Amino acid sequence: MTRIGFAGLGRMGRLMAANLIKAGFDVVVWNRTQQTAVEFAKRHGVTSVARPVDLANSCEIVVTMLADDASSSNVHFGAHGLFAGHQVKTFVEMGTMSCDHILALAASTPACARVVDAPVSGATQAAEAGDLMIMVGASDAQAHSFAPILDAMGSRIMYLGKTGDGAVMKLSVNALIHGINQTFSEAMSVAQAAGIAPNKAYDVIQASAACPPMLNYRRPLYLDETAHEVTFTVSLARKDMAVMTGLAREFGIKTPQCDVTLQQLQAAETRGYGARDMAAMLAYAQESSK
């Protein structure tokens, strides 16, 4: 059986790695905080390693679920990074990265190996259920060797063609999500200012044509954000929008909606909202209006 390395056991990564184990894969894990990997490995009966290079010297496929370009660079490059190993044939990058970073990784990949971007869409609930949508920067034929791994973590796998396409589509999807998050926060703030109870306002929005799936499964967070675990932080949303607006500039595309969303996320982060769930943008909209 092919041994799978998994790097990055954060909110999403630990759930995705657990699904690989449930599917019967031989999984080896690494995390920046080593104790996290040790505890995960003990709980799931798998092996943990101390350095990224140890994954790359013992696994044919390595999956990474990392926060951003900088953390990805730290994990891949350097004397003890993934690219210092010699066993890996495929690096599957599942975090939200810039297209430029994915292409830089692909250009630096060790001989006889390849990098495939395969970022995911879906919150922690979808990650736990193996119900993620995965956007793959490869054709279905090119992904044949690792497609079963993706199937263990997602319910809908979208093969987009070439390296970097997954990263572009993930940023595009997240731009919509964060734009909806901002507009929803403003709409709810107006309704509540008019004296409409939050639950009632939410009922109306959910029953309307304007309701996307995220508003259904995120309802508890929007109505009482501080009472629930963080699923996706304001800081990560700001990072996504900064990368998205940068990509748009590269293509010469004007994105006024994205620009405003980014400005609001930056302002909220400055006011101390960075570590809170992105649902806290509702609280920020109300606070900043006072």
C-alpha atoms as a PDB file:
ATOM      1  CA  MET A   1       0.000   0.000   0.000  1.00  0.00           C
ATOM      2  CA  THR A   2       1.195   3.514  -0.851  1.00  0.00           C
ATOM      3  CA  ARG A   3       2.253   5.401   2.264  1.00  0.00           C
ATOM      4  CA  ILE A   4       0.771   8.894   2.539  1.00  0.00           C
ATOM      5  CA  GLY A   5       2.496  11.743   4.351  1.00  0.00           C
ATOM      6  CA  PHE A   6       0.326  14.504   5.778  1.00  0.00           C
ATOM      7  CA  ALA A   7       1.779  17.873   6.797  1.00  0.00           C
ATOM      8  CA  GLY A   8      -0.372  20.371   8.692  1.00  0.00           C
ATOM      9  CA  LEU A   9      -2.778  19.249  11.418  1.00  0.00           C
ATOM     10  CA  GLY A  10      -4.721  22.451  11.958  1.00  0.00           C
ATOM     11  CA  ARG A  11      -8.504  22.783  12.165  1.00  0.00           C
ATOM     12  CA  MET A  12      -9.025  21.327   8.703  1.00  0.00           C
ATOM     13  CA  GLY A  13      -5.920  19.192   8.308  1.00  0.00           C
ATOM     14  CA  ARG A  14      -6.472  16.963  11.322  1.00  0.00           C
ATOM     15  CA  LEU A  15      -9.970  16.097  10.081  1.00  0.00           C
ATOM     16  CA  MET A  16      -8.766  15.417   6.550  1.00  0.00           C
ATOM     17  CA  ALA A  17      -5.895  13.223   7.774  1.00  0.00           C
ATOM     18  CA  ALA A  18      -8.318  11.319  10.002  1.00  0.00           C
ATOM     19  CA  ASN A  19     -10.475  10.541   6.964  1.00  0.00           C
ATOM     20  CA  LEU A  20      -7.476   9.152   5.106  1.00  0.00           C
ATOM     21  CA  ILE A  21      -6.829   6.859   8.052  1.00  0.00           C
ATOM     22  CA  LYS A  22     -10.499   5.798   8.189  1.00  0.00           C
ATOM     23  CA  ALA A  23     -10.275   4.958   4.477  1.00  0.00           C
ATOM     24  CA  GLY A  24      -7.461   2.511   5.220  1.00  0.00           C
ATOM     25  CA  PHE A  25      -4.442   4.475   4.033  1.00  0.00           C
ATOM     26  CA  ASP A  26      -1.063   4.091   5.736  1.00  0.00           C
ATOM     27  CA  VAL A  27      -0.576   7.673   6.986  1.00  0.00           C
ATOM     28  CA  VAL A  28       2.458   9.398   8.503  1.00  0.00           C
ATOM     29  CA  VAL A  29       1.937  12.862   9.983  1.00  0.00           C
ATOM     30  CA  TRP A  30       3.983  15.980  10.696  1.00  0.00           C
ATOM     31  CA  ASN A  31       2.973  19.272  12.262  1.00  0.00           C
ATOM     32  CA  ARG A  32       4.896  22.442  13.086  1.00  0.00           C
ATOM     33  CA  THR A  33       4.009  21.934  16.745  1.00  0.00           C
ATOM     34  CA  GLN A  34       5.432  18.451  17.155  1.00  0.00           C
ATOM     35  CA  GLN A  35       3.316  17.551  20.187  1.00  0.00           C
ATOM     36  CA  THR A  36       0.192  17.989  18.066  1.00  0.00           C
ATOM     37  CA  ALA A  37       1.468  15.386  15.616  1.00  0.00           C
ATOM     38  CA  VAL A  38       2.531  13.029  18.417  1.00  0.00           C
ATOM     39  CA  GLU A  39      -0.896  13.209  20.073  1.00  0.00           C
ATOM     40  CA  PHE A  40      -2.718  12.805  16.750  1.00  0.00           C
ATOM     41  CA  ALA A  41      -0.595   9.774  15.849  1.00  0.00           C
ATOM     42  CA  LYS A  42      -1.209   8.144  19.236  1.00  0.00           C
ATOM     43  CA  ARG A  43      -4.951   8.764  19.034  1.00  0.00           C
ATOM     44  CA  HIS A  44      -5.253   7.309  15.518  1.00  0.00           C
ATOM     45  CA  GLY A  45      -2.629   4.574  15.706  1.00  0.00           C
ATOM     46  CA  VAL A  46      -0.309   6.008  13.053  1.00  0.00           C
ATOM     47  CA  THR A  47       3.265   7.321  12.904  1.00  0.00           C
ATOM     48  CA  SER A  48       4.466  10.889  13.421  1.00  0.00           C
ATOM     49  CA  VAL A  49       7.803  12.352  12.371  1.00  0.00           C
ATOM     50  CA  ALA A  50       9.825  15.286  13.669  1.00  0.00           C
ATOM     51  CA  ARG A  51      10.731  16.987  10.375  1.00  0.00           C
ATOM     52  CA  PRO A  52       9.110  17.517   6.968  1.00  0.00           C
ATOM     53  CA  VAL A  53      12.060  15.800   5.276  1.00  0.00           C
ATOM     54  CA  ASP A  54      11.237  12.658   7.238  1.00  0.00           C
ATOM     55  CA  LEU A  55       7.861  12.556   5.481  1.00  0.00           C
ATOM     56  CA  ALA A  56       9.520  13.002   2.112  1.00  0.00           C
ATOM     57  CA  ASN A  57      11.990  10.192   2.786  1.00  0.00           C
ATOM     58  CA  SER A  58       9.330   7.669   3.784  1.00  0.00           C
ATOM     59  CA  CYS A  59       6.261   8.454   1.619  1.00  0.00           C
ATOM     60  CA  GLU A  60       5.469   8.402  -2.102  1.00  0.00           C
ATOM     61  CA  ILE A  61       2.717  11.002  -1.791  1.00  0.00           C
ATOM     62  CA  VAL A  62       2.712  13.945   0.621  1.00  0.00           C
ATOM     63  CA  VAL A  63      -0.417  16.014   1.264  1.00  0.00           C
ATOM     64  CA  THR A  64       0.005  19.466   2.778  1.00  0.00           C
ATOM     65  CA  MET A  65      -2.708  21.548   4.429  1.00  0.00           C
ATOM     66  CA  LEU A  66      -0.933  24.779   5.325  1.00  0.00           C
ATOM     67  CA  ALA A  67      -2.153  28.294   6.056  1.00  0.00           C
ATOM     68  CA  ASP A  68      -0.406  30.477   3.483  1.00  0.00           C
ATOM     69  CA  ASP A  69       2.510  30.946   1.095  1.00  0.00           C
ATOM     70  CA  ALA A  70       4.983  31.734   3.875  1.00  0.00           C
ATOM     71  CA  SER A  71       4.205  28.637   5.932  1.00  0.00           C
ATOM     72  CA  SER A  72       4.278  26.523   2.774  1.00  0.00           C
ATOM     73  CA  SER A  73       7.693  27.886   1.823  1.00  0.00           C
ATOM     74  CA  ASN A  74       9.031  27.090   5.292  1.00  0.00           C
ATOM     75  CA  VAL A  75       7.802  23.513   5.055  1.00  0.00           C
ATOM     76  CA  HIS A  76       9.028  22.800   1.520  1.00  0.00           C
ATOM     77  CA  PHE A  77      12.383  24.532   1.347  1.00  0.00           C
ATOM     78  CA  GLY A  78      15.477  24.291   3.533  1.00  0.00           C
ATOM     79  CA  ALA A  79      17.768  21.540   4.770  1.00  0.00           C
ATOM     80  CA  HIS A  80      14.960  19.674   6.541  1.00  0.00           C
ATOM     81  CA  GLY A  81      12.081  20.636   4.237  1.00  0.00           C
ATOM     82  CA  LEU A  82       9.932  18.402   2.074  1.00  0.00           C
ATOM     83  CA  PHE A  83      11.974  19.102  -1.043  1.00  0.00           C
ATOM     84  CA  ALA A  84      15.104  17.791   0.686  1.00  0.00           C
ATOM     85  CA  GLY A  85      13.637  14.272   0.616  1.00  0.00           C
ATOM     86  CA  HIS A  86      13.917  11.745  -2.200  1.00  0.00           C
ATOM     87  CA  GLN A  87      10.973   9.339  -1.944  1.00  0.00           C
ATOM     88  CA  VAL A  88       8.011  11.513  -2.920  1.00  0.00           C
ATOM     89  CA  LYS A  89       6.503  11.260  -6.390  1.00  0.00           C
ATOM     90  CA  THR A  90       3.575  13.664  -5.835  1.00  0.00           C
ATOM     91  CA  PHE A  91       3.136  16.668  -3.540  1.00  0.00           C
ATOM     92  CA  VAL A  92      -0.565  17.506  -3.174  1.00  0.00           C
ATOM     93  CA  GLU A  93      -0.977  21.100  -1.956  1.00  0.00           C
ATOM     94  CA  MET A  94      -4.438  21.512  -0.395  1.00  0.00           C
ATOM     95  CA  GLY A  95      -4.146  24.821   1.454  1.00  0.00           C
ATOM     96  CA  THR A  96      -5.181  28.175   0.014  1.00  0.00           C
ATOM     97  CA  MET A  97      -2.085  29.520  -1.752  1.00  0.00           C
ATOM     98  CA  SER A  98      -1.365  32.083  -4.407  1.00  0.00           C
ATOM     99  CA  CYS A  99      -1.054  30.822  -7.961  1.00  0.00           C
ATOM    100  CA  ASP A 100       2.466  32.297  -8.116  1.00  0.00           C
ATOM    101  CA  HIS A 101       3.495  30.248  -5.092  1.00  0.00           C
ATOM    102  CA  ILE A 102       2.121  27.025  -6.561  1.00  0.00           C
ATOM    103  CA  LEU A 103       3.982  27.661  -9.800  1.00  0.00           C
ATOM    104  CA  ALA A 104       7.177  28.423  -7.845  1.00  0.00           C
ATOM    105  CA  LEU A 105       6.826  25.135  -5.976  1.00  0.00           C
ATOM    106  CA  ALA A 106       6.248  23.290  -9.245  1.00  0.00           C
ATOM    107  CA  ALA A 107       9.391  24.860 -10.720  1.00  0.00           C
ATOM    108  CA  SER A 108      11.464  23.809  -7.696  1.00  0.00           C
ATOM    109  CA  THR A 109      10.168  20.270  -7.279  1.00  0.00           C
ATOM    110  CA  PRO A 110      12.850  17.580  -6.952  1.00  0.00           C
ATOM    111  CA  ALA A 111      13.569  15.447 -10.010  1.00  0.00           C
ATOM    112  CA  CYS A 112      10.958  12.773 -10.798  1.00  0.00           C
ATOM    113  CA  ALA A 113       8.347  14.451  -8.586  1.00  0.00           C
ATOM    114  CA  ARG A 114       5.456  16.823  -9.269  1.00  0.00           C
ATOM    115  CA  VAL A 115       3.374  19.392  -7.416  1.00  0.00           C
ATOM    116  CA  VAL A 116      -0.416  19.400  -7.772  1.00  0.00           C
ATOM    117  CA  ASP A 117      -2.588  22.132  -6.282  1.00  0.00           C
ATOM    118  CA  ALA A 118      -5.826  20.727  -4.857  1.00  0.00           C
ATOM    119  CA  PRO A 119      -7.337  23.289  -2.461  1.00  0.00           C
ATOM    120  CA  VAL A 120     -10.649  22.580  -0.780  1.00  0.00           C
ATOM    121  CA  SER A 121     -13.952  24.348  -0.232  1.00  0.00           C
ATOM    122  CA  GLY A 122     -16.038  23.581   2.825  1.00  0.00           C
ATOM    123  CA  ALA A 123     -15.935  24.276   6.544  1.00  0.00           C
ATOM    124  CA  THR A 124     -14.756  21.983   9.326  1.00  0.00           C
ATOM    125  CA  GLN A 125     -18.103  20.157   9.260  1.00  0.00           C
ATOM    126  CA  ALA A 126     -17.504  19.195   5.630  1.00  0.00           C
ATOM    127  CA  ALA A 127     -13.901  18.215   6.371  1.00  0.00           C
ATOM    128  CA  GLU A 128     -15.021  15.917   9.188  1.00  0.00           C
ATOM    129  CA  ALA A 129     -17.705  14.308   7.010  1.00  0.00           C
ATOM    130  CA  GLY A 130     -15.368  13.858   4.026  1.00  0.00           C
ATOM    131  CA  ASP A 131     -17.707  16.139   2.104  1.00  0.00           C
ATOM    132  CA  LEU A 132     -15.252  18.735   0.810  1.00  0.00           C
ATOM    133  CA  MET A 133     -15.247  20.057  -2.732  1.00  0.00           C
ATOM    134  CA  ILE A 134     -11.710  19.789  -4.094  1.00  0.00           C
ATOM    135  CA  MET A 135     -10.357  21.890  -6.979  1.00  0.00           C
ATOM    136  CA  VAL A 136      -7.478  20.115  -8.690  1.00  0.00           C
ATOM    137  CA  GLY A 137      -4.880  21.783 -10.884  1.00  0.00           C
ATOM    138  CA  ALA A 138      -4.588  18.715 -13.122  1.00  0.00           C
ATOM    139  CA  SER A 139      -6.657  16.609 -15.503  1.00  0.00           C
ATOM    140  CA  ASP A 140      -8.465  13.546 -14.232  1.00  0.00           C
ATOM    141  CA  ALA A 141      -5.990  11.397 -16.181  1.00  0.00           C
ATOM    142  CA  GLN A 142      -3.016  13.134 -14.555  1.00  0.00           C
ATOM    143  CA  ALA A 143      -4.577  12.622 -11.125  1.00  0.00           C
ATOM    144  CA  HIS A 144      -5.167   8.910 -11.565  1.00  0.00           C
ATOM    145  CA  SER A 145      -2.485   7.828  -9.078  1.00  0.00           C
ATOM    146  CA  PHE A 146      -3.756   9.961  -6.203  1.00  0.00           C
ATOM    147  CA  ALA A 147      -7.475  10.302  -6.987  1.00  0.00           C
ATOM    148  CA  PRO A 148      -8.453   7.720  -4.302  1.00  0.00           C
ATOM    149  CA  ILE A 149      -6.809   9.958  -1.698  1.00  0.00           C
ATOM    150  CA  LEU A 150      -8.932  12.904  -2.789  1.00  0.00           C
ATOM    151  CA  ASP A 151     -12.043  10.715  -2.770  1.00  0.00           C
ATOM    152  CA  ALA A 152     -11.394   9.895   0.902  1.00  0.00           C
ATOM    153  CA  MET A 153     -11.507  13.585   1.814  1.00  0.00           C
ATOM    154  CA  GLY A 154     -14.057  15.054  -0.593  1.00  0.00           C
ATOM    155  CA  SER A 155     -17.378  14.240  -2.190  1.00  0.00           C
ATOM    156  CA  ARG A 156     -16.916  16.323  -5.340  1.00  0.00           C
ATOM    157  CA  ILE A 157     -13.576  16.485  -7.114  1.00  0.00           C
ATOM    158  CA  MET A 158     -13.227  19.106  -9.851  1.00  0.00           C
ATOM    159  CA  TYR A 159     -10.348  18.520 -12.296  1.00  0.00           C
ATOM    160  CA  LEU A 160      -9.426  21.856 -13.862  1.00  0.00           C
ATOM    161  CA  GLY A 161      -6.561  21.067 -16.219  1.00  0.00           C
ATOM    162  CA  LYS A 162      -3.212  22.610 -15.368  1.00  0.00           C
ATOM    163  CA  THR A 163      -1.054  23.471 -12.390  1.00  0.00           C
ATOM    164  CA  GLY A 164      -2.253  26.641 -10.661  1.00  0.00           C
ATOM    165  CA  ASP A 165      -5.861  26.402 -11.810  1.00  0.00           C
ATOM    166  CA  GLY A 166      -6.928  24.958  -8.469  1.00  0.00           C
ATOM    167  CA  ALA A 167      -5.355  27.888  -6.635  1.00  0.00           C
ATOM    168  CA  VAL A 168      -7.080  30.427  -8.901  1.00  0.00           C
ATOM    169  CA  MET A 169     -10.498  28.823  -8.457  1.00  0.00           C
ATOM    170  CA  LYS A 170     -10.091  28.527  -4.679  1.00  0.00           C
ATOM    171  CA  LEU A 171      -9.332  32.245  -4.446  1.00  0.00           C
ATOM    172  CA  SER A 172     -12.310  32.997  -6.681  1.00  0.00           C
ATOM    173  CA  VAL A 173     -14.639  30.888  -4.545  1.00  0.00           C
ATOM    174  CA  ASN A 174     -13.321  32.445  -1.337  1.00  0.00           C
ATOM    175  CA  ALA A 175     -13.784  35.934  -2.769  1.00  0.00           C
ATOM    176  CA  LEU A 176     -17.470  35.113  -3.158  1.00  0.00           C
ATOM    177  CA  ILE A 177     -17.675  33.632   0.339  1.00  0.00           C
ATOM    178  CA  HIS A 178     -16.022  36.611   2.010  1.00  0.00           C
ATOM    179  CA  GLY A 179     -18.083  39.041  -0.066  1.00  0.00           C
ATOM    180  CA  ILE A 180     -21.268  37.286   1.042  1.00  0.00           C
ATOM    181  CA  ASN A 181     -19.994  37.346   4.630  1.00  0.00           C
ATOM    182  CA  GLN A 182     -19.527  41.118   4.447  1.00  0.00           C
ATOM    183  CA  THR A 183     -22.838  41.872   2.722  1.00  0.00           C
ATOM    184  CA  PHE A 184     -24.737  39.568   5.059  1.00  0.00           C
ATOM    185  CA  SER A 185     -23.190  41.319   8.069  1.00  0.00           C
ATOM    186  CA  GLU A 186     -24.358  44.674   6.743  1.00  0.00           C
ATOM    187  CA  ALA A 187     -27.857  43.395   5.953  1.00  0.00           C
ATOM    188  CA  MET A 188     -28.290  41.847   9.396  1.00  0.00           C
ATOM    189  CA  SER A 189     -27.027  45.032  11.046  1.00  0.00           C
ATOM    190  CA  VAL A 190     -29.647  47.116   9.257  1.00  0.00           C
ATOM    191  CA  ALA A 191     -32.428  44.650  10.164  1.00  0.00           C
ATOM    192  CA  GLN A 192     -31.420  44.611  13.810  1.00  0.00           C
ATOM    193  CA  ALA A 193     -31.098  48.406  13.929  1.00  0.00           C
ATOM    194  CA  ALA A 194     -34.722  48.537  12.787  1.00  0.00           C
ATOM    195  CA  GLY A 195     -35.692  46.402  15.761  1.00  0.00           C
ATOM    196  CA  ILE A 196     -36.111  43.047  14.020  1.00  0.00           C
ATOM    197  CA  ALA A 197     -34.952  40.162  16.217  1.00  0.00           C
ATOM    198  CA  PRO A 198     -31.785  38.409  14.896  1.00  0.00           C
ATOM    199  CA  ASN A 199     -33.518  35.012  14.722  1.00  0.00           C
ATOM    200  CA  LYS A 200     -36.405  36.461  12.718  1.00  0.00           C
ATOM    201  CA  ALA A 201     -34.121  38.334  10.367  1.00  0.00           C
ATOM    202  CA  TYR A 202     -32.118  35.165   9.807  1.00  0.00           C
ATOM    203  CA  ASP A 203     -35.298  33.177   9.146  1.00  0.00           C
ATOM    204  CA  VAL A 204     -36.256  35.603   6.391  1.00  0.00           C
ATOM    205  CA  ILE A 205     -32.822  35.574   4.776  1.00  0.00           C
ATOM    206  CA  GLN A 206     -32.696  31.770   4.869  1.00  0.00           C
ATOM    207  CA  ALA A 207     -36.101  31.589   3.175  1.00  0.00           C
ATOM    208  CA  SER A 208     -35.089  34.031   0.454  1.00  0.00           C
ATOM    209  CA  ALA A 209     -33.456  33.565  -2.932  1.00  0.00           C
ATOM    210  CA  ALA A 210     -30.371  35.291  -1.525  1.00  0.00           C
ATOM    211  CA  CYS A 211     -29.430  32.432   0.831  1.00  0.00           C
ATOM    212  CA  PRO A 212     -26.312  30.439  -0.132  1.00  0.00           C
ATOM    213  CA  PRO A 213     -25.478  27.121   1.602  1.00  0.00           C
ATOM    214  CA  MET A 214     -22.906  28.743   3.904  1.00  0.00           C
ATOM    215  CA  LEU A 215     -25.615  30.774   5.641  1.00  0.00           C
ATOM    216  CA  ASN A 216     -27.457  27.565   6.491  1.00  0.00           C
ATOM    217  CA  TYR A 217     -24.607  25.705   8.159  1.00  0.00           C
ATOM    218  CA  ARG A 218     -23.059  28.821   9.707  1.00  0.00           C
ATOM    219  CA  ARG A 219     -26.272  30.073  11.337  1.00  0.00           C
ATOM    220  CA  PRO A 220     -25.218  29.167  14.926  1.00  0.00           C
ATOM    221  CA  LEU A 221     -21.959  31.088  14.467  1.00  0.00           C
ATOM    222  CA  TYR A 222     -23.627  34.194  13.098  1.00  0.00           C
ATOM    223  CA  LEU A 223     -26.203  34.284  15.869  1.00  0.00           C
ATOM    224  CA  ASP A 224     -23.744  33.588  18.715  1.00  0.00           C
ATOM    225  CA  GLU A 225     -20.213  33.605  17.360  1.00  0.00           C
ATOM    226  CA  THR A 226     -18.354  33.661  20.693  1.00  0.00           C
ATOM    227  CA  ALA A 227     -20.190  30.562  21.951  1.00  0.00           C
ATOM    228  CA  HIS A 228     -18.772  28.325  19.199  1.00  0.00           C
ATOM    229  CA  GLU A 229     -15.367  27.091  18.124  1.00  0.00           C
ATOM    230  CA  VAL A 230     -13.593  29.128  15.470  1.00  0.00           C
ATOM    231  CA  THR A 231     -13.811  27.509  12.031  1.00  0.00           C
ATOM    232  CA  PHE A 232     -12.122  30.154   9.850  1.00  0.00           C
ATOM    233  CA  THR A 233     -10.522  33.300  11.206  1.00  0.00           C
ATOM    234  CA  VAL A 234     -10.852  36.928  10.125  1.00  0.00           C
ATOM    235  CA  SER A 235      -7.067  36.953   9.581  1.00  0.00           C
ATOM    236  CA  LEU A 236      -7.263  34.038   7.153  1.00  0.00           C
ATOM    237  CA  ALA A 237     -10.116  35.757   5.323  1.00  0.00           C
ATOM    238  CA  ARG A 238      -8.010  38.916   5.052  1.00  0.00           C
ATOM    239  CA  LYS A 239      -5.125  36.836   3.685  1.00  0.00           C
ATOM    240  CA  ASP A 240      -7.383  35.272   1.055  1.00  0.00           C
ATOM    241  CA  MET A 241      -8.690  38.625  -0.107  1.00  0.00           C
ATOM    242  CA  ALA A 242      -5.233  40.182  -0.228  1.00  0.00           C
ATOM    243  CA  VAL A 243      -4.018  37.346  -2.465  1.00  0.00           C
ATOM    244  CA  MET A 244      -7.170  37.531  -4.595  1.00  0.00           C
ATOM    245  CA  THR A 245      -6.928  41.279  -5.201  1.00  0.00           C
ATOM    246  CA  GLY A 246      -3.243  40.870  -6.028  1.00  0.00           C
ATOM    247  CA  LEU A 247      -4.065  38.186  -8.592  1.00  0.00           C
ATOM    248  CA  ALA A 248      -6.750  40.412 -10.116  1.00  0.00           C
ATOM    249  CA  ARG A 249      -4.224  43.228 -10.511  1.00  0.00           C
ATOM    250  CA  GLU A 250      -1.872  40.836 -12.325  1.00  0.00           C
ATOM    251  CA  PHE A 251      -4.641  40.156 -14.856  1.00  0.00           C
ATOM    252  CA  GLY A 252      -5.661  43.817 -15.075  1.00  0.00           C
ATOM    253  CA  ILE A 253      -9.109  43.051 -13.620  1.00  0.00           C
ATOM    254  CA  LYS A 254     -10.864  45.659 -11.476  1.00  0.00           C
ATOM    255  CA  THR A 255     -12.463  44.179  -8.339  1.00  0.00           C
ATOM    256  CA  PRO A 256     -14.206  46.987  -6.411  1.00  0.00           C
ATOM    257  CA  GLN A 257     -16.294  44.557  -4.345  1.00  0.00           C
ATOM    258  CA  CYS A 258     -13.227  42.547  -3.367  1.00  0.00           C
ATOM    259  CA  ASP A 259     -11.368  45.741  -2.530  1.00  0.00           C
ATOM    260  CA  VAL A 260     -14.077  46.844  -0.082  1.00  0.00           C
ATOM    261  CA  THR A 261     -14.246  43.380   1.488  1.00  0.00           C
ATOM    262  CA  LEU A 262     -10.473  43.437   1.993  1.00  0.00           C
ATOM    263  CA  GLN A 263     -10.587  46.905   3.526  1.00  0.00           C
ATOM    264  CA  GLN A 264     -13.241  45.815   6.026  1.00  0.00           C
ATOM    265  CA  LEU A 265     -11.315  42.687   6.990  1.00  0.00           C
ATOM    266  CA  GLN A 266      -8.146  44.720   7.469  1.00  0.00           C
ATOM    267  CA  ALA A 267     -10.003  47.210   9.639  1.00  0.00           C
ATOM    268  CA  ALA A 268     -11.535  44.431  11.744  1.00  0.00           C
ATOM    269  CA  GLU A 269      -8.140  42.816  12.177  1.00  0.00           C
ATOM    270  CA  THR A 270      -6.709  46.119  13.365  1.00  0.00           C
ATOM    271  CA  ARG A 271      -9.507  46.319  15.942  1.00  0.00           C
ATOM    272  CA  GLY A 272      -8.565  42.923  17.409  1.00  0.00           C
ATOM    273  CA  TYR A 273     -10.894  40.620  15.461  1.00  0.00           C
ATOM    274  CA  GLY A 274      -8.139  38.695  13.686  1.00  0.00           C
ATOM    275  CA  ALA A 275      -8.297  35.478  15.715  1.00  0.00           C
ATOM    276  CA  ARG A 276     -12.101  35.391  15.828  1.00  0.00           C
ATOM    277  CA  ASP A 277     -14.257  33.448  13.404  1.00  0.00           C
ATOM    278  CA  MET A 278     -15.107  35.302  10.214  1.00  0.00           C
ATOM    279  CA  ALA A 279     -18.722  35.367  11.467  1.00  0.00           C
ATOM    280  CA  ALA A 280     -17.449  38.072  13.823  1.00  0.00           C
ATOM    281  CA  MET A 281     -17.651  40.478  10.890  1.00  0.00           C
ATOM    282  CA  LEU A 282     -21.311  40.833  11.897  1.00  0.00           C
ATOM    283  CA  ALA A 283     -20.264  42.039  15.354  1.00  0.00           C
ATOM    284  CA  TYR A 284     -17.645  44.285  13.753  1.00  0.00           C
ATOM    285  CA  ALA A 285     -20.220  45.820  11.379  1.00  0.00           C
ATOM    286  CA  GLN A 286     -22.423  46.664  14.329  1.00  0.00           C
ATOM    287  CA  GLU A 287     -19.593  47.948  16.509  1.00  0.00           C
ATOM    288  CA  SER A 288     -18.068  50.112  13.793  1.00  0.00           C
ATOM    289  CA  SER A 289     -21.454  51.723  13.150  1.00  0.00           C
ATOM    290  CA  LYS A 290     -21.799  53.048  16.688  1.00  0.00           C
END
